[in-house]
């Protein structure tokens, strides 16, 4: 059974500190769920921009799936996109 980490994304948005915390979670787990709070964004278009920004800052070994206002991030061994 795989462990899933949980993080909340608040009104400060995607910062360098948030990305570092996310990378620290991936040292122990391969899946992390990010709960996006209402203070961060209130519509789906803004949520898509946040998801793309997170992927851009993490690198090629990660994929995301958005379910409601939860972003599920998975780390792969090989690069998924180039």
N, C-alpha and C. Protein backbone atom coordinates (compact mmCIF):
# COMPACT_ATOMS: atom_id res chain seq x y z
N UNK A 1 0.84 -1.17 0.00
CA UNK A 1 0.00 0.00 0.00
C UNK A 1 0.88 1.24 0.00
N UNK A 2 0.61 2.16 -0.91
CA UNK A 2 1.46 3.34 -1.03
C UNK A 2 0.97 4.44 -0.11
N UNK A 3 1.91 5.19 0.40
CA UNK A 3 1.58 6.34 1.23
C UNK A 3 1.35 7.55 0.33
N UNK A 4 0.40 8.37 0.74
CA UNK A 4 0.09 9.58 0.00
C UNK A 4 0.28 10.77 0.93
N UNK A 5 1.10 11.73 0.51
CA UNK A 5 1.31 12.93 1.31
C UNK A 5 0.23 13.96 1.01
N UNK A 6 -0.01 14.85 1.96
CA UNK A 6 -1.03 15.88 1.80
C UNK A 6 -0.42 17.24 2.11
N UNK A 7 -0.71 18.22 1.25
CA UNK A 7 -0.25 19.60 1.44
C UNK A 7 -1.42 20.52 1.10
N UNK A 8 -1.48 21.67 1.75
CA UNK A 8 -2.48 22.68 1.41
C UNK A 8 -1.80 23.84 0.71
N UNK A 9 -2.46 24.36 -0.31
CA UNK A 9 -1.97 25.53 -1.04
C UNK A 9 -2.87 26.70 -0.69
N UNK A 10 -2.31 27.72 -0.03
CA UNK A 10 -3.10 28.84 0.48
C UNK A 10 -2.96 30.09 -0.34
N UNK A 11 -3.20 31.22 0.31
CA UNK A 11 -3.29 32.50 -0.39
C UNK A 11 -1.96 33.00 -0.93
N UNK A 12 -0.84 32.49 -0.45
CA UNK A 12 0.45 32.93 -0.98
C UNK A 12 0.74 32.29 -2.34
N UNK A 13 0.04 31.22 -2.67
CA UNK A 13 0.20 30.59 -3.98
C UNK A 13 1.45 29.72 -4.05
N UNK A 14 1.94 29.52 -5.27
CA UNK A 14 3.09 28.66 -5.51
C UNK A 14 4.36 29.47 -5.31
N UNK A 15 5.01 29.26 -4.18
CA UNK A 15 6.26 29.95 -3.88
C UNK A 15 7.41 28.95 -3.92
N UNK A 16 8.62 29.46 -3.81
CA UNK A 16 9.79 28.57 -3.78
C UNK A 16 9.75 27.68 -2.55
N UNK A 17 9.27 28.21 -1.44
CA UNK A 17 9.17 27.43 -0.21
C UNK A 17 8.15 26.29 -0.37
N UNK A 18 7.04 26.56 -1.05
CA UNK A 18 6.03 25.53 -1.30
C UNK A 18 6.61 24.42 -2.17
N UNK A 19 7.34 24.77 -3.22
CA UNK A 19 7.95 23.77 -4.11
C UNK A 19 8.98 22.93 -3.34
N UNK A 20 9.76 23.57 -2.46
CA UNK A 20 10.74 22.82 -1.67
C UNK A 20 10.05 21.85 -0.72
N UNK A 21 8.94 22.28 -0.11
CA UNK A 21 8.17 21.39 0.77
C UNK A 21 7.61 20.21 -0.02
N UNK A 22 7.16 20.49 -1.21
CA UNK A 22 6.63 19.43 -2.09
C UNK A 22 7.72 18.43 -2.45
N UNK A 23 8.90 18.90 -2.78
CA UNK A 23 10.01 18.01 -3.10
C UNK A 23 10.43 17.18 -1.89
N UNK A 24 10.36 17.77 -0.69
CA UNK A 24 10.68 17.02 0.53
C UNK A 24 9.68 15.89 0.76
N UNK A 25 8.41 16.12 0.43
CA UNK A 25 7.41 15.06 0.55
C UNK A 25 7.71 13.91 -0.41
N UNK A 26 8.24 14.23 -1.58
CA UNK A 26 8.53 13.19 -2.57
C UNK A 26 9.74 12.35 -2.19
N UNK A 27 10.49 12.72 -1.18
CA UNK A 27 11.58 11.87 -0.70
C UNK A 27 11.04 10.63 0.00
N UNK A 28 9.82 10.74 0.56
CA UNK A 28 9.21 9.63 1.30
C UNK A 28 8.06 8.98 0.55
N UNK A 29 7.32 9.74 -0.25
CA UNK A 29 6.16 9.21 -0.97
C UNK A 29 6.32 9.45 -2.46
N UNK A 30 5.57 8.67 -3.24
CA UNK A 30 5.58 8.88 -4.69
C UNK A 30 4.34 9.63 -5.15
N UNK A 31 3.35 9.79 -4.26
CA UNK A 31 2.13 10.53 -4.58
C UNK A 31 1.89 11.59 -3.51
N UNK A 32 1.50 12.78 -3.96
CA UNK A 32 1.17 13.86 -3.03
C UNK A 32 -0.11 14.52 -3.51
N UNK A 33 -1.03 14.76 -2.58
CA UNK A 33 -2.26 15.48 -2.90
C UNK A 33 -2.16 16.90 -2.37
N UNK A 34 -2.45 17.86 -3.25
CA UNK A 34 -2.41 19.27 -2.88
C UNK A 34 -3.85 19.77 -2.81
N UNK A 35 -4.28 20.17 -1.64
CA UNK A 35 -5.61 20.76 -1.48
C UNK A 35 -5.49 22.25 -1.71
N UNK A 36 -6.19 22.75 -2.73
CA UNK A 36 -6.15 24.17 -3.06
C UNK A 36 -7.28 24.87 -2.31
N UNK A 37 -6.92 25.79 -1.43
CA UNK A 37 -7.90 26.49 -0.63
C UNK A 37 -8.55 27.61 -1.43
N UNK A 38 -9.72 28.05 -0.99
CA UNK A 38 -10.45 29.12 -1.68
C UNK A 38 -9.70 30.44 -1.69
N UNK A 39 -8.85 30.65 -0.71
CA UNK A 39 -8.08 31.89 -0.66
C UNK A 39 -7.03 31.95 -1.77
N UNK A 40 -6.71 30.80 -2.37
CA UNK A 40 -5.72 30.75 -3.45
C UNK A 40 -6.36 31.00 -4.81
N UNK A 41 -7.43 30.28 -5.10
CA UNK A 41 -8.13 30.47 -6.37
C UNK A 41 -9.58 30.07 -6.22
N UNK A 42 -10.42 30.66 -7.07
CA UNK A 42 -11.85 30.40 -6.96
C UNK A 42 -12.46 29.87 -8.25
N UNK A 43 -11.68 29.76 -9.33
CA UNK A 43 -12.24 29.21 -10.56
C UNK A 43 -11.29 28.20 -11.18
N UNK A 44 -11.82 27.38 -12.08
CA UNK A 44 -11.07 26.26 -12.67
C UNK A 44 -9.95 26.73 -13.60
N UNK A 45 -10.14 27.86 -14.28
CA UNK A 45 -9.09 28.35 -15.19
C UNK A 45 -7.84 28.74 -14.41
N UNK A 46 -8.03 29.38 -13.28
CA UNK A 46 -6.90 29.75 -12.44
C UNK A 46 -6.23 28.51 -11.85
N UNK A 47 -7.04 27.49 -11.56
CA UNK A 47 -6.51 26.23 -11.04
C UNK A 47 -5.63 25.54 -12.09
N UNK A 48 -6.03 25.61 -13.36
CA UNK A 48 -5.21 25.04 -14.43
C UNK A 48 -3.86 25.75 -14.54
N UNK A 49 -3.86 27.07 -14.38
CA UNK A 49 -2.61 27.83 -14.44
C UNK A 49 -1.69 27.44 -13.27
N UNK A 50 -2.28 27.25 -12.10
CA UNK A 50 -1.50 26.85 -10.92
C UNK A 50 -0.90 25.47 -11.13
N UNK A 51 -1.70 24.55 -11.71
CA UNK A 51 -1.21 23.19 -11.97
C UNK A 51 -0.03 23.21 -12.94
N UNK A 52 -0.13 23.99 -14.01
CA UNK A 52 0.96 24.09 -14.98
C UNK A 52 2.20 24.72 -14.36
N UNK A 53 2.01 25.69 -13.48
CA UNK A 53 3.14 26.33 -12.81
C UNK A 53 3.86 25.34 -11.89
N UNK A 54 3.10 24.52 -11.18
CA UNK A 54 3.70 23.50 -10.31
C UNK A 54 4.51 22.50 -11.14
N UNK A 55 3.94 22.03 -12.26
CA UNK A 55 4.65 21.08 -13.12
C UNK A 55 5.92 21.69 -13.69
N UNK A 56 5.86 22.95 -14.08
CA UNK A 56 7.02 23.63 -14.65
C UNK A 56 8.16 23.73 -13.64
N UNK A 57 7.81 24.02 -12.39
CA UNK A 57 8.84 24.19 -11.36
C UNK A 57 9.39 22.86 -10.85
N UNK A 58 8.58 21.78 -10.92
CA UNK A 58 9.05 20.49 -10.43
C UNK A 58 10.00 19.80 -11.41
N UNK A 59 9.66 19.78 -12.69
CA UNK A 59 10.53 19.14 -13.67
C UNK A 59 9.81 18.09 -14.49
N UNK A 60 10.57 17.26 -15.21
CA UNK A 60 10.04 16.31 -16.18
C UNK A 60 9.55 15.00 -15.58
N UNK A 61 9.84 14.71 -14.35
CA UNK A 61 9.52 13.41 -13.77
C UNK A 61 8.17 13.38 -13.04
N UNK A 62 7.33 14.37 -13.27
CA UNK A 62 6.08 14.49 -12.52
C UNK A 62 4.88 14.64 -13.45
N UNK A 63 3.74 14.09 -13.03
CA UNK A 63 2.48 14.29 -13.73
C UNK A 63 1.42 14.70 -12.71
N UNK A 64 0.36 15.34 -13.20
CA UNK A 64 -0.71 15.78 -12.30
C UNK A 64 -2.06 15.35 -12.83
N UNK A 65 -3.01 15.29 -11.91
CA UNK A 65 -4.40 15.04 -12.24
C UNK A 65 -5.22 15.90 -11.29
N UNK A 66 -6.16 16.66 -11.84
CA UNK A 66 -6.97 17.55 -11.02
C UNK A 66 -8.34 16.95 -10.81
N UNK A 67 -8.72 16.84 -9.54
CA UNK A 67 -10.04 16.31 -9.16
C UNK A 67 -10.67 17.35 -8.25
N UNK A 68 -11.62 18.10 -8.77
CA UNK A 68 -12.20 19.18 -7.99
C UNK A 68 -11.15 20.24 -7.73
N UNK A 69 -10.95 20.57 -6.46
CA UNK A 69 -9.89 21.51 -6.09
C UNK A 69 -8.73 20.79 -5.39
N UNK A 70 -8.50 19.55 -5.80
CA UNK A 70 -7.37 18.76 -5.31
C UNK A 70 -6.51 18.39 -6.51
N UNK A 71 -5.20 18.67 -6.39
CA UNK A 71 -4.25 18.32 -7.44
C UNK A 71 -3.46 17.11 -6.95
N UNK A 72 -3.56 16.00 -7.68
CA UNK A 72 -2.80 14.80 -7.35
C UNK A 72 -1.52 14.81 -8.19
N UNK A 73 -0.37 14.79 -7.54
CA UNK A 73 0.92 14.82 -8.23
C UNK A 73 1.61 13.49 -8.02
N UNK A 74 2.13 12.92 -9.11
CA UNK A 74 2.81 11.62 -9.05
C UNK A 74 4.22 11.79 -9.59
N UNK A 75 5.17 11.15 -8.92
CA UNK A 75 6.56 11.18 -9.37
C UNK A 75 6.88 9.87 -10.07
N UNK A 76 7.53 9.97 -11.22
CA UNK A 76 7.94 8.80 -12.00
C UNK A 76 9.45 8.70 -11.99
N UNK A 77 9.95 7.50 -12.24
CA UNK A 77 11.40 7.29 -12.29
C UNK A 77 12.02 7.89 -13.54
N UNK A 78 11.32 7.72 -14.67
CA UNK A 78 11.81 8.23 -15.94
C UNK A 78 11.09 9.54 -16.27
N UNK A 79 11.71 10.34 -17.11
CA UNK A 79 11.10 11.60 -17.52
C UNK A 79 9.86 11.31 -18.35
N UNK A 80 8.76 11.97 -18.00
CA UNK A 80 7.49 11.73 -18.68
C UNK A 80 7.37 12.63 -19.90
N UNK A 81 7.78 13.86 -19.78
CA UNK A 81 7.67 14.80 -20.90
C UNK A 81 9.02 15.47 -21.14
N UNK A 82 9.17 15.97 -22.32
CA UNK A 82 10.46 16.60 -22.68
C UNK A 82 10.27 18.04 -23.04
